[in-house]
Amino acid sequence: MKYFRRFFIITVTIFIVFLLYLEFGGMFILKTNDKRTITFYIRSSEKIPNNFSNFYNTVYPNSLSANSWSYMFDILTNPQAPRKECPCNQMSYKILPTLEIKHTKRINYFMNQFIVARFIENRFSQKECLQFNFSSFNFLENRKGLSEVSQSLFKKDAEDLKPMEMAEILALYEAPLKHNRSRNPQKAKERTEHFYHVYLNNSKIKN
């Protein structure tokens, strides 16, 4: 019994230390230049208007209030959960290859990606990460960022977009080649309608 108790205490201690490492490890594995780079990415990103962030948060419920821990638990119950449900986790996934972090094994890569995501989330909001994701996203046809794709598709500023128009941008954001209205008008229309109906249904639930 004494050995079991000792084993249990050691196991729990190791588990707690591991969780603390996942939560705060970014302070240690990230070099100063990487931390500055992340801050620059966030601060220099184009601002997203409230109408679009609200639309996004309705299509992907709680995406602007949850974090990578929530997303990790979602994956356990739904392995197909899109990374777009957690903008900061998505940002971490995108920028990790550019950071000076060594990954000796595949599992280390995924663990480091989570650690970087938590480092970002402890300093910035999900909306700020969303702004980076859209600012750095290439919608193809020389369109990068929300403002450019909004002007290209609708000749509008992003804050003037209607729900159906924002749905089309989300469809492009999901797959810019497959859901391009010029190349695949039918697929683009179907996916746009999908996001629009998700928005309407989730809006009813919220109200």
Protein backbone atom coordinates (compact mmCIF):
# COMPACT_ATOMS: atom_id res chain seq x y z
CA MET A 1 0.00 0.00 0.00
CA LYS A 2 2.87 2.33 0.85
CA TYR A 3 4.50 1.72 -2.54
CA PHE A 4 1.21 2.23 -4.34
CA ARG A 5 0.71 5.56 -2.59
CA ARG A 6 4.23 6.64 -3.47
CA PHE A 7 3.73 5.58 -7.09
CA PHE A 8 0.42 7.45 -7.21
CA ILE A 9 1.96 10.65 -5.81
CA ILE A 10 4.86 10.49 -8.26
CA THR A 11 2.50 9.87 -11.19
CA VAL A 12 0.23 12.77 -10.23
CA THR A 13 3.24 15.05 -9.74
CA ILE A 14 4.63 14.18 -13.17
CA PHE A 15 1.22 14.76 -14.74
CA ILE A 16 0.86 18.17 -13.08
CA VAL A 17 4.38 19.18 -14.14
CA PHE A 18 3.56 18.09 -17.71
CA LEU A 19 0.39 20.20 -17.74
CA LEU A 20 2.31 23.20 -16.40
CA TYR A 21 4.91 22.69 -19.12
CA LEU A 22 2.19 22.69 -21.79
CA GLU A 23 0.68 25.84 -20.30
CA PHE A 24 3.83 27.89 -19.68
CA GLY A 25 6.55 26.11 -21.67
CA GLY A 26 6.44 28.75 -24.41
CA MET A 27 8.29 31.15 -22.13
CA PHE A 28 11.25 28.75 -22.18
CA ILE A 29 11.30 27.08 -25.61
CA LEU A 30 10.71 30.30 -27.56
CA LYS A 31 13.72 32.47 -28.22
CA THR A 32 13.52 36.24 -27.79
CA ASN A 33 13.45 36.79 -31.55
CA ASP A 34 10.53 34.37 -31.91
CA LYS A 35 8.58 36.16 -29.19
CA ARG A 36 9.19 39.47 -30.95
CA THR A 37 8.16 37.95 -34.27
CA ILE A 38 4.87 36.71 -32.82
CA THR A 39 4.17 40.14 -31.34
CA PHE A 40 4.97 41.79 -34.68
CA TYR A 41 2.66 39.41 -36.54
CA ILE A 42 -0.20 40.29 -34.21
CA ARG A 43 0.39 44.04 -34.01
CA SER A 44 0.81 44.52 -37.76
CA SER A 45 -2.28 42.56 -38.78
CA GLU A 46 -5.23 44.25 -40.43
CA LYS A 47 -8.12 44.89 -38.03
CA ILE A 48 -11.29 42.89 -38.58
CA PRO A 49 -14.61 44.75 -38.17
CA ASN A 50 -17.07 43.55 -35.56
CA ASN A 51 -19.67 42.43 -38.09
CA PHE A 52 -17.23 39.92 -39.55
CA SER A 53 -15.82 38.67 -36.23
CA ASN A 54 -19.40 38.23 -34.95
CA PHE A 55 -20.31 36.31 -38.10
CA TYR A 56 -17.24 34.09 -37.70
CA ASN A 57 -17.98 33.50 -34.02
CA THR A 58 -21.54 32.49 -34.92
CA VAL A 59 -20.48 30.03 -37.61
CA TYR A 60 -17.77 28.65 -35.30
CA PRO A 61 -19.45 29.05 -31.88
CA ASN A 62 -17.23 30.30 -29.04
CA SER A 63 -14.19 30.43 -31.33
CA LEU A 64 -13.34 33.90 -29.99
CA SER A 65 -13.77 32.96 -26.33
CA ALA A 66 -12.43 29.39 -26.09
CA ASN A 67 -8.76 28.35 -26.26
CA SER A 68 -6.48 25.49 -27.28
CA TRP A 69 -7.43 23.44 -24.22
CA SER A 70 -11.06 23.55 -25.32
CA TYR A 71 -10.05 22.71 -28.87
CA MET A 72 -7.96 19.75 -27.68
CA PHE A 73 -10.94 18.32 -25.77
CA ASP A 74 -13.13 18.87 -28.85
CA ILE A 75 -10.70 16.81 -30.92
CA LEU A 76 -10.96 13.94 -28.43
CA THR A 77 -14.71 13.76 -29.06
CA ASN A 78 -14.59 14.86 -32.70
CA PRO A 79 -11.30 14.21 -34.53
CA GLN A 80 -12.65 16.16 -37.52
CA ALA A 81 -13.09 19.39 -35.53
CA PRO A 82 -11.71 22.19 -37.76
CA ARG A 83 -8.72 24.13 -36.48
CA LYS A 84 -10.64 27.28 -37.44
CA GLU A 85 -12.60 26.79 -34.20
CA CYS A 86 -9.53 28.13 -32.38
CA PRO A 87 -7.83 31.02 -34.24
CA CYS A 88 -4.76 31.12 -31.97
CA ASN A 89 -4.19 27.39 -32.39
CA GLN A 90 -4.54 27.89 -36.12
CA MET A 91 -2.02 30.74 -35.99
CA SER A 92 0.43 28.57 -34.05
CA TYR A 93 0.06 25.79 -36.60
CA LYS A 94 0.82 28.25 -39.40
CA ILE A 95 3.85 30.02 -37.92
CA LEU A 96 5.54 27.11 -36.11
CA PRO A 97 7.72 26.10 -39.11
CA THR A 98 9.15 29.64 -39.18
CA LEU A 99 10.20 29.64 -35.51
CA GLU A 100 13.58 28.51 -34.18
CA ILE A 101 12.29 25.48 -32.30
CA LYS A 102 13.83 22.05 -32.78
CA HIS A 103 11.48 19.08 -33.18
CA THR A 104 13.23 15.77 -32.66
CA LYS A 105 10.10 13.66 -33.16
CA ARG A 106 6.65 14.06 -34.66
CA ILE A 107 5.03 14.06 -31.21
CA ASN A 108 7.38 16.87 -30.17
CA TYR A 109 6.17 18.93 -33.13
CA PHE A 110 2.53 18.66 -32.09
CA MET A 111 3.37 19.31 -28.44
CA ASN A 112 5.40 22.38 -29.36
CA GLN A 113 2.58 23.60 -31.57
CA PHE A 114 0.22 23.42 -28.59
CA ILE A 115 2.75 25.14 -26.31
CA VAL A 116 3.20 28.00 -28.78
CA ALA A 117 -0.58 28.30 -29.08
CA ARG A 118 -0.90 28.66 -25.31
CA PHE A 119 1.94 31.19 -25.26
CA ILE A 120 0.01 33.27 -27.79
CA GLU A 121 -3.32 32.85 -25.99
CA ASN A 122 -1.83 33.97 -22.69
CA ARG A 123 -0.82 37.27 -24.31
CA PHE A 124 -3.30 37.96 -27.09
CA SER A 125 -6.99 37.45 -27.79
CA GLN A 126 -8.56 35.01 -30.22
CA LYS A 127 -9.78 37.97 -32.28
CA GLU A 128 -6.21 39.23 -32.63
CA CYS A 129 -5.17 35.78 -33.83
CA LEU A 130 -8.10 35.76 -36.25
CA GLN A 131 -6.90 39.09 -37.61
CA PHE A 132 -3.46 37.61 -38.26
CA ASN A 133 -4.96 34.53 -39.92
CA PHE A 134 -6.99 36.58 -42.37
CA SER A 135 -4.28 39.18 -42.97
CA SER A 136 -1.78 36.49 -43.92
CA PHE A 137 -4.20 34.31 -45.89
CA ASN A 138 -3.82 34.18 -49.66
CA PHE A 139 -7.25 34.10 -51.31
CA LEU A 140 -5.50 33.74 -54.69
CA GLU A 141 -5.85 36.12 -57.65
CA ASN A 142 -3.58 38.64 -55.89
CA ARG A 143 -5.96 38.90 -52.94
CA LYS A 144 -4.47 38.77 -49.47
CA GLY A 145 -6.41 39.72 -46.38
CA LEU A 146 -10.05 40.52 -45.70
CA SER A 147 -10.10 44.03 -47.19
CA GLU A 148 -8.66 42.96 -50.53
CA VAL A 149 -10.98 40.00 -51.00
CA SER A 150 -13.97 42.10 -49.92
CA GLN A 151 -13.16 44.79 -52.48
CA SER A 152 -12.41 42.20 -55.16
CA LEU A 153 -15.64 40.25 -54.74
CA PHE A 154 -18.14 42.90 -53.71
CA LYS A 155 -16.52 46.33 -54.15
CA LYS A 156 -17.21 46.93 -50.46
CA ASP A 157 -15.36 47.64 -47.26
CA ALA A 158 -15.42 44.68 -44.88
CA GLU A 159 -17.61 46.50 -42.35
CA ASP A 160 -20.36 46.84 -44.99
CA LEU A 161 -20.55 43.16 -45.88
CA LYS A 162 -23.85 41.29 -45.56
CA PRO A 163 -24.11 37.77 -44.07
CA MET A 164 -24.32 36.02 -47.45
CA GLU A 165 -21.24 37.90 -48.64
CA MET A 166 -19.32 37.01 -45.50
CA ALA A 167 -20.38 33.39 -46.02
CA GLU A 168 -18.76 33.43 -49.46
CA ILE A 169 -15.54 34.77 -47.96
CA LEU A 170 -15.58 31.96 -45.39
CA ALA A 171 -16.04 29.46 -48.22
CA LEU A 172 -12.99 30.92 -49.96
CA TYR A 173 -11.09 30.91 -46.67
CA GLU A 174 -11.79 27.20 -46.36
CA ALA A 175 -10.62 26.33 -49.90
CA PRO A 176 -9.69 29.28 -52.16
CA LEU A 177 -9.28 27.17 -55.30
CA LYS A 178 -12.17 24.77 -54.85
CA HIS A 179 -14.66 27.46 -53.76
CA ASN A 180 -13.69 30.11 -56.28
CA ARG A 181 -16.82 31.51 -57.95
CA SER A 182 -15.01 31.96 -61.28
CA ARG A 183 -13.54 28.45 -61.48
CA ASN A 184 -16.16 26.40 -59.64
CA PRO A 185 -19.35 28.49 -59.45
CA GLN A 186 -21.58 25.61 -58.32
CA LYS A 187 -19.28 24.43 -55.53
CA ALA A 188 -18.71 28.02 -54.43
CA LYS A 189 -22.47 28.62 -54.32
CA GLU A 190 -23.16 25.43 -52.37
CA ARG A 191 -20.47 26.11 -49.77
CA THR A 192 -21.53 29.73 -49.41
CA GLU A 193 -25.11 28.64 -48.76
CA HIS A 194 -23.84 26.07 -46.26
CA PHE A 195 -22.06 28.71 -44.17
CA TYR A 196 -25.01 31.08 -44.49
CA HIS A 197 -27.43 28.45 -43.18
CA VAL A 198 -25.05 27.54 -40.35
CA TYR A 199 -24.98 31.22 -39.44
CA LEU A 200 -28.79 31.47 -39.48
CA ASN A 201 -29.27 28.29 -37.43
CA ASN A 202 -26.65 29.23 -34.84
CA SER A 203 -28.10 32.74 -34.60
CA LYS A 204 -31.46 31.26 -33.64
CA ILE A 205 -29.83 29.10 -30.97
CA LYS A 206 -27.99 32.11 -29.51
CA ASN A 207 -31.20 34.13 -29.38
